[in-house]
Amino acid sequence: MTLSSKERAALRAEAHHLHPLVHVGHHGLTDALRQTLDDALRTHELVKVALTKSTDVSAKDAAHQLAEQLGADVVQTIGRTCTLYRENPDLERKKGAAPPWR
């Protein structure tokens, strides 16, 4: 799924207030990290990922690798933080309720 510029802008605005749910450490992009991020995307749809200074991978490269492997879209990458989005059609939504990432 490719996001339009308007969708990406709306998601960037929503992600502004989020704290990183997943942190990438010096071990890099491990299978455990991918599983954790997959679970976070399944339950929240919009997830911030923070990379520590000891990580060998750049945030932009990590974001694109993770997005490709997990079927997500990169919303934005700023410094050592990237934001990923993957829609979950099975996620229950109540009419008029806030999005699942809030």
PDB file of N, CA and C in Angstrom:
ATOM      1  N   MET A   1       0.841  -1.172   0.000  1.00  0.00           N
ATOM      2  CA  MET A   1       0.000   0.000   0.000  1.00  0.00           C
ATOM      3  C   MET A   1       0.890   1.240   0.000  1.00  0.00           C
ATOM      4  N   THR A   2       0.589   2.160  -0.876  1.00  0.00           N
ATOM      5  CA  THR A   2       1.330   3.406  -0.930  1.00  0.00           C
ATOM      6  C   THR A   2       0.429   4.522  -0.438  1.00  0.00           C
ATOM      7  N   LEU A   3       0.966   5.329   0.444  1.00  0.00           N
ATOM      8  CA  LEU A   3       0.200   6.435   1.005  1.00  0.00           C
ATOM      9  C   LEU A   3       0.280   7.650   0.092  1.00  0.00           C
ATOM     10  N   SER A   4      -0.836   8.368  -0.017  1.00  0.00           N
ATOM     11  CA  SER A   4      -0.807   9.633  -0.749  1.00  0.00           C
ATOM     12  C   SER A   4      -0.158  10.686   0.137  1.00  0.00           C
ATOM     13  N   SER A   5       0.185  11.814  -0.439  1.00  0.00           N
ATOM     14  CA  SER A   5       0.837  12.867   0.346  1.00  0.00           C
ATOM     15  C   SER A   5      -0.102  13.414   1.423  1.00  0.00           C
ATOM     16  N   LYS A   6      -1.395  13.460   1.141  1.00  0.00           N
ATOM     17  CA  LYS A   6      -2.356  13.942   2.146  1.00  0.00           C
ATOM     18  C   LYS A   6      -2.487  12.950   3.301  1.00  0.00           C
ATOM     19  N   GLU A   7      -2.520  11.664   2.973  1.00  0.00           N
ATOM     20  CA  GLU A   7      -2.585  10.645   4.022  1.00  0.00           C
ATOM     21  C   GLU A   7      -1.320  10.664   4.873  1.00  0.00           C
ATOM     22  N   ARG A   8      -0.174  10.801   4.208  1.00  0.00           N
ATOM     23  CA  ARG A   8       1.103  10.843   4.917  1.00  0.00           C
ATOM     24  C   ARG A   8       1.166  12.066   5.838  1.00  0.00           C
ATOM     25  N   ALA A   9       0.673  13.208   5.371  1.00  0.00           N
ATOM     26  CA  ALA A   9       0.668  14.428   6.186  1.00  0.00           C
ATOM     27  C   ALA A   9      -0.239  14.266   7.403  1.00  0.00           C
ATOM     28  N   ALA A  10      -1.393  13.635   7.211  1.00  0.00           N
ATOM     29  CA  ALA A  10      -2.310  13.418   8.334  1.00  0.00           C
ATOM     30  C   ALA A  10      -1.688  12.471   9.361  1.00  0.00           C
ATOM     31  N   LEU A  11      -1.020  11.434   8.892  1.00  0.00           N
ATOM     32  CA  LEU A  11      -0.364  10.494   9.806  1.00  0.00           C
ATOM     33  C   LEU A  11       0.817  11.148  10.522  1.00  0.00           C
ATOM     34  N   ARG A  12       1.552  12.020   9.829  1.00  0.00           N
ATOM     35  CA  ARG A  12       2.650  12.747  10.483  1.00  0.00           C
ATOM     36  C   ARG A  12       2.112  13.601  11.620  1.00  0.00           C
ATOM     37  N   ALA A  13       0.977  14.252  11.385  1.00  0.00           N
ATOM     38  CA  ALA A  13       0.367  15.085  12.426  1.00  0.00           C
ATOM     39  C   ALA A  13      -0.066  14.237  13.616  1.00  0.00           C
ATOM     40  N   GLU A  14      -0.632  13.064  13.360  1.00  0.00           N
ATOM     41  CA  GLU A  14      -1.054  12.169  14.438  1.00  0.00           C
ATOM     42  C   GLU A  14       0.148  11.612  15.199  1.00  0.00           C
ATOM     43  N   ALA A  15       1.234  11.341  14.485  1.00  0.00           N
ATOM     44  CA  ALA A  15       2.415  10.735  15.102  1.00  0.00           C
ATOM     45  C   ALA A  15       3.218  11.722  15.933  1.00  0.00           C
ATOM     46  N   HIS A  16       2.979  13.003  15.743  1.00  0.00           N
ATOM     47  CA  HIS A  16       3.759  14.020  16.460  1.00  0.00           C
ATOM     48  C   HIS A  16       3.715  13.809  17.969  1.00  0.00           C
ATOM     49  N   HIS A  17       2.579  13.410  18.498  1.00  0.00           N
ATOM     50  CA  HIS A  17       2.395  13.289  19.944  1.00  0.00           C
ATOM     51  C   HIS A  17       2.749  11.900  20.484  1.00  0.00           C
ATOM     52  N   LEU A  18       3.105  10.979  19.622  1.00  0.00           N
ATOM     53  CA  LEU A  18       3.412   9.618  20.065  1.00  0.00           C
ATOM     54  C   LEU A  18       4.835   9.500  20.597  1.00  0.00           C
ATOM     55  N   HIS A  19       5.015   8.596  21.536  1.00  0.00           N
ATOM     56  CA  HIS A  19       6.345   8.245  22.029  1.00  0.00           C
ATOM     57  C   HIS A  19       6.774   6.962  21.320  1.00  0.00           C
ATOM     58  N   PRO A  20       8.068   6.757  21.123  1.00  0.00           N
ATOM     59  CA  PRO A  20       8.522   5.519  20.467  1.00  0.00           C
ATOM     60  C   PRO A  20       8.110   4.277  21.262  1.00  0.00           C
ATOM     61  N   LEU A  21       7.521   3.312  20.564  1.00  0.00           N
ATOM     62  CA  LEU A  21       7.117   2.050  21.188  1.00  0.00           C
ATOM     63  C   LEU A  21       8.203   0.992  21.049  1.00  0.00           C
ATOM     64  N   VAL A  22       9.035   1.125  20.032  1.00  0.00           N
ATOM     65  CA  VAL A  22      10.071   0.140  19.758  1.00  0.00           C
ATOM     66  C   VAL A  22      11.413   0.859  19.696  1.00  0.00           C
ATOM     67  N   HIS A  23      12.429   0.280  20.341  1.00  0.00           N
ATOM     68  CA  HIS A  23      13.773   0.857  20.354  1.00  0.00           C
ATOM     69  C   HIS A  23      14.746  -0.141  19.737  1.00  0.00           C
ATOM     70  N   VAL A  24      15.542   0.335  18.785  1.00  0.00           N
ATOM     71  CA  VAL A  24      16.546  -0.500  18.128  1.00  0.00           C
ATOM     72  C   VAL A  24      17.880  -0.224  18.802  1.00  0.00           C
ATOM     73  N   GLY A  25      18.484  -1.258  19.373  1.00  0.00           N
ATOM     74  CA  GLY A  25      19.749  -1.114  20.089  1.00  0.00           C
ATOM     75  C   GLY A  25      20.936  -1.551  19.258  1.00  0.00           C
ATOM     76  N   HIS A  26      22.034  -1.860  19.926  1.00  0.00           N
ATOM     77  CA  HIS A  26      23.273  -2.199  19.228  1.00  0.00           C
ATOM     78  C   HIS A  26      23.221  -3.548  18.515  1.00  0.00           C
ATOM     79  N   HIS A  27      22.221  -4.367  18.813  1.00  0.00           N
ATOM     80  CA  HIS A  27      22.071  -5.644  18.107  1.00  0.00           C
ATOM     81  C   HIS A  27      21.452  -5.449  16.726  1.00  0.00           C
ATOM     82  N   GLY A  28      20.870  -4.289  16.485  1.00  0.00           N
ATOM     83  CA  GLY A  28      20.322  -3.982  15.166  1.00  0.00           C
ATOM     84  C   GLY A  28      18.943  -4.564  14.941  1.00  0.00           C
ATOM     85  N   LEU A  29      18.667  -4.897  13.689  1.00  0.00           N
ATOM     86  CA  LEU A  29      17.349  -5.366  13.279  1.00  0.00           C
ATOM     87  C   LEU A  29      17.261  -6.884  13.422  1.00  0.00           C
ATOM     88  N   THR A  30      16.922  -7.332  14.610  1.00  0.00           N
ATOM     89  CA  THR A  30      16.846  -8.761  14.905  1.00  0.00           C
ATOM     90  C   THR A  30      15.442  -9.293  14.635  1.00  0.00           C
ATOM     91  N   ASP A  31      15.313 -10.612  14.661  1.00  0.00           N
ATOM     92  CA  ASP A  31      13.997 -11.232  14.485  1.00  0.00           C
ATOM     93  C   ASP A  31      13.063 -10.865  15.630  1.00  0.00           C
ATOM     94  N   ALA A  32      13.595 -10.776  16.839  1.00  0.00           N
ATOM     95  CA  ALA A  32      12.779 -10.402  17.996  1.00  0.00           C
ATOM     96  C   ALA A  32      12.250  -8.975  17.839  1.00  0.00           C
ATOM     97  N   LEU A  33      13.079  -8.091  17.312  1.00  0.00           N
ATOM     98  CA  LEU A  33      12.651  -6.712  17.087  1.00  0.00           C
ATOM     99  C   LEU A  33      11.548  -6.666  16.037  1.00  0.00           C
ATOM    100  N   ARG A  34      11.708  -7.443  14.967  1.00  0.00           N
ATOM    101  CA  ARG A  34      10.680  -7.488  13.922  1.00  0.00           C
ATOM    102  C   ARG A  34       9.358  -8.020  14.477  1.00  0.00           C
ATOM    103  N   GLN A  35       9.423  -9.030  15.326  1.00  0.00           N
ATOM    104  CA  GLN A  35       8.208  -9.587  15.923  1.00  0.00           C
ATOM    105  C   GLN A  35       7.532  -8.566  16.832  1.00  0.00           C
ATOM    106  N   THR A  36       8.325  -7.861  17.622  1.00  0.00           N
ATOM    107  CA  THR A  36       7.783  -6.825  18.505  1.00  0.00           C
ATOM    108  C   THR A  36       7.130  -5.716  17.694  1.00  0.00           C
ATOM    109  N   LEU A  37       7.796  -5.288  16.633  1.00  0.00           N
ATOM    110  CA  LEU A  37       7.247  -4.234  15.784  1.00  0.00           C
ATOM    111  C   LEU A  37       5.999  -4.714  15.057  1.00  0.00           C
ATOM    112  N   ASP A  38       5.985  -5.966  14.628  1.00  0.00           N
ATOM    113  CA  ASP A  38       4.808  -6.532  13.972  1.00  0.00           C
ATOM    114  C   ASP A  38       3.611  -6.515  14.919  1.00  0.00           C
ATOM    115  N   ASP A  39       3.833  -6.898  16.174  1.00  0.00           N
ATOM    116  CA  ASP A  39       2.763  -6.865  17.177  1.00  0.00           C
ATOM    117  C   ASP A  39       2.283  -5.439  17.416  1.00  0.00           C
ATOM    118  N   ALA A  40       3.215  -4.493  17.500  1.00  0.00           N
ATOM    119  CA  ALA A  40       2.853  -3.093  17.732  1.00  0.00           C
ATOM    120  C   ALA A  40       2.052  -2.540  16.557  1.00  0.00           C
ATOM    121  N   LEU A  41       2.444  -2.867  15.334  1.00  0.00           N
ATOM    122  CA  LEU A  41       1.701  -2.407  14.157  1.00  0.00           C
ATOM    123  C   LEU A  41       0.316  -3.039  14.093  1.00  0.00           C
ATOM    124  N   ARG A  42       0.201  -4.282  14.538  1.00  0.00           N
ATOM    125  CA  ARG A  42      -1.093  -4.963  14.525  1.00  0.00           C
ATOM    126  C   ARG A  42      -2.072  -4.301  15.494  1.00  0.00           C
ATOM    127  N   THR A  43      -1.577  -3.867  16.644  1.00  0.00           N
ATOM    128  CA  THR A  43      -2.471  -3.309  17.661  1.00  0.00           C
ATOM    129  C   THR A  43      -2.627  -1.794  17.576  1.00  0.00           C
ATOM    130  N   HIS A  44      -1.619  -1.091  17.056  1.00  0.00           N
ATOM    131  CA  HIS A  44      -1.669   0.376  17.046  1.00  0.00           C
ATOM    132  C   HIS A  44      -1.738   0.989  15.652  1.00  0.00           C
ATOM    133  N   GLU A  45      -1.322   0.286  14.626  1.00  0.00           N
ATOM    134  CA  GLU A  45      -1.250   0.731  13.238  1.00  0.00           C
ATOM    135  C   GLU A  45      -0.167   1.782  12.983  1.00  0.00           C
ATOM    136  N   LEU A  46      -0.026   2.780  13.843  1.00  0.00           N
ATOM    137  CA  LEU A  46       0.951   3.853  13.675  1.00  0.00           C
ATOM    138  C   LEU A  46       1.964   3.755  14.811  1.00  0.00           C
ATOM    139  N   VAL A  47       3.242   3.524  14.475  1.00  0.00           N
ATOM    140  CA  VAL A  47       4.254   3.238  15.496  1.00  0.00           C
ATOM    141  C   VAL A  47       5.515   4.051  15.224  1.00  0.00           C
ATOM    142  N   LYS A  48       6.048   4.652  16.294  1.00  0.00           N
ATOM    143  CA  LYS A  48       7.348   5.315  16.214  1.00  0.00           C
ATOM    144  C   LYS A  48       8.425   4.339  16.654  1.00  0.00           C
ATOM    145  N   VAL A  49       9.543   4.365  15.932  1.00  0.00           N
ATOM    146  CA  VAL A  49      10.684   3.508  16.237  1.00  0.00           C
ATOM    147  C   VAL A  49      11.891   4.407  16.476  1.00  0.00           C
ATOM    148  N   ALA A  50      12.561   4.228  17.614  1.00  0.00           N
ATOM    149  CA  ALA A  50      13.750   5.015  17.944  1.00  0.00           C
ATOM    150  C   ALA A  50      14.994   4.154  17.794  1.00  0.00           C
ATOM    151  N   LEU A  51      16.031   4.715  17.209  1.00  0.00           N
ATOM    152  CA  LEU A  51      17.312   4.022  17.053  1.00  0.00           C
ATOM    153  C   LEU A  51      18.329   4.672  17.978  1.00  0.00           C
ATOM    154  N   THR A  52      19.051   3.849  18.723  1.00  0.00           N
ATOM    155  CA  THR A  52      20.061   4.386  19.633  1.00  0.00           C
ATOM    156  C   THR A  52      21.322   4.755  18.852  1.00  0.00           C
ATOM    157  N   LYS A  53      22.210   5.489  19.501  1.00  0.00           N
ATOM    158  CA  LYS A  53      23.455   5.906  18.852  1.00  0.00           C
ATOM    159  C   LYS A  53      24.356   4.721  18.531  1.00  0.00           C
ATOM    160  N   SER A  54      24.215   3.636  19.276  1.00  0.00           N
ATOM    161  CA  SER A  54      25.079   2.469  19.066  1.00  0.00           C
ATOM    162  C   SER A  54      24.628   1.581  17.906  1.00  0.00           C
ATOM    163  N   THR A  55      23.525   1.918  17.274  1.00  0.00           N
ATOM    164  CA  THR A  55      23.025   1.130  16.151  1.00  0.00           C
ATOM    165  C   THR A  55      23.883   1.380  14.916  1.00  0.00           C
ATOM    166  N   ASP A  56      24.214   0.315  14.198  1.00  0.00           N
ATOM    167  CA  ASP A  56      25.044   0.439  12.998  1.00  0.00           C
ATOM    168  C   ASP A  56      24.257   0.899  11.776  1.00  0.00           C
ATOM    169  N   VAL A  57      22.943   0.773  11.804  1.00  0.00           N
ATOM    170  CA  VAL A  57      22.097   1.089  10.659  1.00  0.00           C
ATOM    171  C   VAL A  57      21.562   2.512  10.795  1.00  0.00           C
ATOM    172  N   SER A  58      21.476   3.240   9.687  1.00  0.00           N
ATOM    173  CA  SER A  58      20.882   4.577   9.733  1.00  0.00           C
ATOM    174  C   SER A  58      19.366   4.443   9.873  1.00  0.00           C
ATOM    175  N   ALA A  59      18.738   5.479  10.368  1.00  0.00           N
ATOM    176  CA  ALA A  59      17.289   5.442  10.588  1.00  0.00           C
ATOM    177  C   ALA A  59      16.541   5.259   9.274  1.00  0.00           C
ATOM    178  N   LYS A  60      17.003   5.916   8.235  1.00  0.00           N
ATOM    179  CA  LYS A  60      16.332   5.814   6.935  1.00  0.00           C
ATOM    180  C   LYS A  60      16.433   4.393   6.380  1.00  0.00           C
ATOM    181  N   ASP A  61      17.620   3.800   6.456  1.00  0.00           N
ATOM    182  CA  ASP A  61      17.797   2.423   5.979  1.00  0.00           C
ATOM    183  C   ASP A  61      16.983   1.436   6.810  1.00  0.00           C
ATOM    184  N   ALA A  62      17.008   1.614   8.125  1.00  0.00           N
ATOM    185  CA  ALA A  62      16.250   0.728   9.014  1.00  0.00           C
ATOM    186  C   ALA A  62      14.761   0.834   8.731  1.00  0.00           C
ATOM    187  N   ALA A  63      14.267   2.055   8.544  1.00  0.00           N
ATOM    188  CA  ALA A  63      12.842   2.256   8.277  1.00  0.00           C
ATOM    189  C   ALA A  63      12.424   1.544   6.998  1.00  0.00           C
ATOM    190  N   HIS A  64      13.213   1.689   5.943  1.00  0.00           N
ATOM    191  CA  HIS A  64      12.858   1.053   4.672  1.00  0.00           C
ATOM    192  C   HIS A  64      12.966  -0.471   4.745  1.00  0.00           C
ATOM    193  N   GLN A  65      13.964  -0.984   5.451  1.00  0.00           N
ATOM    194  CA  GLN A  65      14.090  -2.436   5.610  1.00  0.00           C
ATOM    195  C   GLN A  65      12.915  -3.006   6.396  1.00  0.00           C
ATOM    196  N   LEU A  66      12.586  -2.361   7.519  1.00  0.00           N
ATOM    197  CA  LEU A  66      11.481  -2.843   8.349  1.00  0.00           C
ATOM    198  C   LEU A  66      10.149  -2.736   7.613  1.00  0.00           C
ATOM    199  N   ALA A  67       9.935  -1.629   6.912  1.00  0.00           N
ATOM    200  CA  ALA A  67       8.685  -1.449   6.173  1.00  0.00           C
ATOM    201  C   ALA A  67       8.530  -2.527   5.103  1.00  0.00           C
ATOM    202  N   GLU A  68       9.596  -2.819   4.401  1.00  0.00           N
ATOM    203  CA  GLU A  68       9.544  -3.841   3.356  1.00  0.00           C
ATOM    204  C   GLU A  68       9.272  -5.222   3.944  1.00  0.00           C
ATOM    205  N   GLN A  69       9.934  -5.554   5.045  1.00  0.00           N
ATOM    206  CA  GLN A  69       9.785  -6.874   5.646  1.00  0.00           C
ATOM    207  C   GLN A  69       8.431  -7.065   6.315  1.00  0.00           C
ATOM    208  N   LEU A  70       7.837  -5.983   6.828  1.00  0.00           N
ATOM    209  CA  LEU A  70       6.585  -6.097   7.574  1.00  0.00           C
ATOM    210  C   LEU A  70       5.360  -5.637   6.785  1.00  0.00           C
ATOM    211  N   GLY A  71       5.551  -5.195   5.561  1.00  0.00           N
ATOM    212  CA  GLY A  71       4.427  -4.745   4.750  1.00  0.00           C
ATOM    213  C   GLY A  71       3.836  -3.442   5.247  1.00  0.00           C
ATOM    214  N   ALA A  72       4.683  -2.556   5.730  1.00  0.00           N
ATOM    215  CA  ALA A  72       4.233  -1.271   6.266  1.00  0.00           C
ATOM    216  C   ALA A  72       4.700  -0.141   5.353  1.00  0.00           C
ATOM    217  N   ASP A  73       4.262   1.067   5.658  1.00  0.00           N
ATOM    218  CA  ASP A  73       4.690   2.260   4.939  1.00  0.00           C
ATOM    219  C   ASP A  73       5.495   3.144   5.866  1.00  0.00           C
ATOM    220  N   VAL A  74       6.532   3.774   5.338  1.00  0.00           N
ATOM    221  CA  VAL A  74       7.311   4.739   6.106  1.00  0.00           C
ATOM    222  C   VAL A  74       6.586   6.076   6.022  1.00  0.00           C
ATOM    223  N   VAL A  75       6.175   6.592   7.178  1.00  0.00           N
ATOM    224  CA  VAL A  75       5.488   7.882   7.215  1.00  0.00           C
ATOM    225  C   VAL A  75       6.516   9.002   7.196  1.00  0.00           C
ATOM    226  N   GLN A  76       7.525   8.901   8.059  1.00  0.00           N
ATOM    227  CA  GLN A  76       8.586   9.902   8.088  1.00  0.00           C
ATOM    228  C   GLN A  76       9.795   9.370   8.836  1.00  0.00           C
ATOM    229  N   THR A  77      10.927  10.002   8.582  1.00  0.00           N
ATOM    230  CA  THR A  77      12.158   9.704   9.301  1.00  0.00           C
ATOM    231  C   THR A  77      12.790  11.031   9.683  1.00  0.00           C
ATOM    232  N   ILE A  78      12.989  11.231  10.977  1.00  0.00           N
ATOM    233  CA  ILE A  78      13.622  12.448  11.475  1.00  0.00           C
ATOM    234  C   ILE A  78      14.710  12.034  12.449  1.00  0.00           C
ATOM    235  N   GLY A  79      15.943  12.416  12.144  1.00  0.00           N
ATOM    236  CA  GLY A  79      17.051  12.077  13.030  1.00  0.00           C
ATOM    237  C   GLY A  79      17.165  10.581  13.212  1.00  0.00           C
ATOM    238  N   ARG A  80      17.072  10.120  14.451  1.00  0.00           N
ATOM    239  CA  ARG A  80      17.167   8.690  14.767  1.00  0.00           C
ATOM    240  C   ARG A  80      15.794   8.079  15.045  1.00  0.00           C
ATOM    241  N   THR A  81      14.755   8.726  14.588  1.00  0.00           N
ATOM    242  CA  THR A  81      13.393   8.242  14.820  1.00  0.00           C
ATOM    243  C   THR A  81      12.663   8.107  13.491  1.00  0.00           C
ATOM    244  N   CYS A  82      11.974   6.985  13.322  1.00  0.00           N
ATOM    245  CA  CYS A  82      11.153   6.808  12.130  1.00  0.00           C
ATOM    246  C   CYS A  82       9.751   6.397  12.562  1.00  0.00           C
ATOM    247  N   THR A  83       8.800   6.679  11.706  1.00  0.00           N
ATOM    248  CA  THR A  83       7.405   6.352  11.979  1.00  0.00           C
ATOM    249  C   THR A  83       6.901   5.436  10.876  1.00  0.00           C
ATOM    250  N   LEU A  84       6.288   4.323  11.279  1.00  0.00           N
ATOM    251  CA  LEU A  84       5.761   3.344  10.334  1.00  0.00           C
ATOM    252  C   LEU A  84       4.255   3.215  10.508  1.00  0.00           C
ATOM    253  N   TYR A  85       3.564   2.902   9.401  1.00  0.00           N
ATOM    254  CA  TYR A  85       2.116   2.724   9.429  1.00  0.00           C
ATOM    255  C   TYR A  85       1.754   1.478   8.635  1.00  0.00           C
ATOM    256  N   ARG A  86       0.880   0.669   9.220  1.00  0.00           N
ATOM    257  CA  ARG A  86       0.313  -0.480   8.519  1.00  0.00           C
ATOM    258  C   ARG A  86      -1.132  -0.610   8.962  1.00  0.00           C
ATOM    259  N   GLU A  87      -2.040  -0.514   8.015  1.00  0.00           N
ATOM    260  CA  GLU A  87      -3.462  -0.611   8.330  1.00  0.00           C
ATOM    261  C   GLU A  87      -3.806  -2.039   8.723  1.00  0.00           C
ATOM    262  N   ASN A  88      -4.667  -2.166   9.725  1.00  0.00           N
ATOM    263  CA  ASN A  88      -5.141  -3.470  10.167  1.00  0.00           C
ATOM    264  C   ASN A  88      -6.658  -3.493   9.992  1.00  0.00           C
ATOM    265  N   PRO A  89      -7.163  -4.132   8.938  1.00  0.00           N
ATOM    266  CA  PRO A  89      -8.606  -4.144   8.705  1.00  0.00           C
ATOM    267  C   PRO A  89      -9.380  -4.925   9.767  1.00  0.00           C
ATOM    268  N   ASP A  90      -8.711  -5.808  10.512  1.00  0.00           N
ATOM    269  CA  ASP A  90      -9.383  -6.606  11.536  1.00  0.00           C
ATOM    270  C   ASP A  90      -9.522  -5.873  12.863  1.00  0.00           C
ATOM    271  N   LEU A  91      -8.883  -4.722  12.984  1.00  0.00           N
ATOM    272  CA  LEU A  91      -8.925  -3.969  14.229  1.00  0.00           C
ATOM    273  C   LEU A  91     -10.321  -3.384  14.418  1.00  0.00           C
ATOM    274  N   GLU A  92     -10.897  -3.653  15.589  1.00  0.00           N
ATOM    275  CA  GLU A  92     -12.243  -3.152  15.856  1.00  0.00           C
ATOM    276  C   GLU A  92     -12.216  -1.652  16.073  1.00  0.00           C
ATOM    277  N   ARG A  93     -13.131  -0.978  15.404  1.00  0.00           N
ATOM    278  CA  ARG A  93     -13.234   0.472  15.551  1.00  0.00           C
ATOM    279  C   ARG A  93     -14.667   0.814  15.918  1.00  0.00           C
ATOM    280  N   LYS A  94     -14.796   1.595  16.947  1.00  0.00           N
ATOM    281  CA  LYS A  94     -16.122   2.047  17.338  1.00  0.00           C
ATOM    282  C   LYS A  94     -16.412   3.350  16.614  1.00  0.00           C
ATOM    283  N   LYS A  95     -17.653   3.533  16.240  1.00  0.00           N
ATOM    284  CA  LYS A  95     -18.035   4.736  15.515  1.00  0.00           C
ATOM    285  C   LYS A  95     -17.759   5.966  16.377  1.00  0.00           C
ATOM    286  N   GLY A  96     -17.018   6.908  15.830  1.00  0.00           N
ATOM    287  CA  GLY A  96     -16.703   8.139  16.545  1.00  0.00           C
ATOM    288  C   GLY A  96     -15.569   8.013  17.543  1.00  0.00           C
ATOM    289  N   ALA A  97     -14.952   6.841  17.628  1.00  0.00           N
ATOM    290  CA  ALA A  97     -13.862   6.629  18.590  1.00  0.00           C
ATOM    291  C   ALA A  97     -12.545   7.152  18.022  1.00  0.00           C
ATOM    292  N   ALA A  98     -11.609   7.398  18.911  1.00  0.00           N
ATOM    293  CA  ALA A  98     -10.282   7.862  18.508  1.00  0.00           C
ATOM    294  C   ALA A  98      -9.538   6.736  17.783  1.00  0.00           C
ATOM    295  N   PRO A  99      -8.585   7.080  16.933  1.00  0.00           N
ATOM    296  CA  PRO A  99      -7.789   6.043  16.259  1.00  0.00           C
ATOM    297  C   PRO A  99      -7.053   5.172  17.273  1.00  0.00           C
ATOM    298  N   PRO A 100      -6.671   3.953  16.881  1.00  0.00           N
ATOM    299  CA  PRO A 100      -6.051   3.016  17.834  1.00  0.00           C
ATOM    300  C   PRO A 100      -4.687   3.458  18.346  1.00  0.00           C
ATOM    301  N   TRP A 101      -4.039   4.393  17.688  1.00  0.00           N
ATOM    302  CA  TRP A 101      -2.713   4.812  18.150  1.00  0.00           C
ATOM    303  C   TRP A 101      -2.787   5.877  19.213  1.00  0.00           C
ATOM    304  N   ARG A 102      -3.958   6.367  19.538  1.00  0.00           N
ATOM    305  CA  ARG A 102      -4.091   7.371  20.599  1.00  0.00           C
ATOM    306  C   ARG A 102      -4.268   6.716  21.930  1.00  0.00           C
TER     307      ARG A 102
END
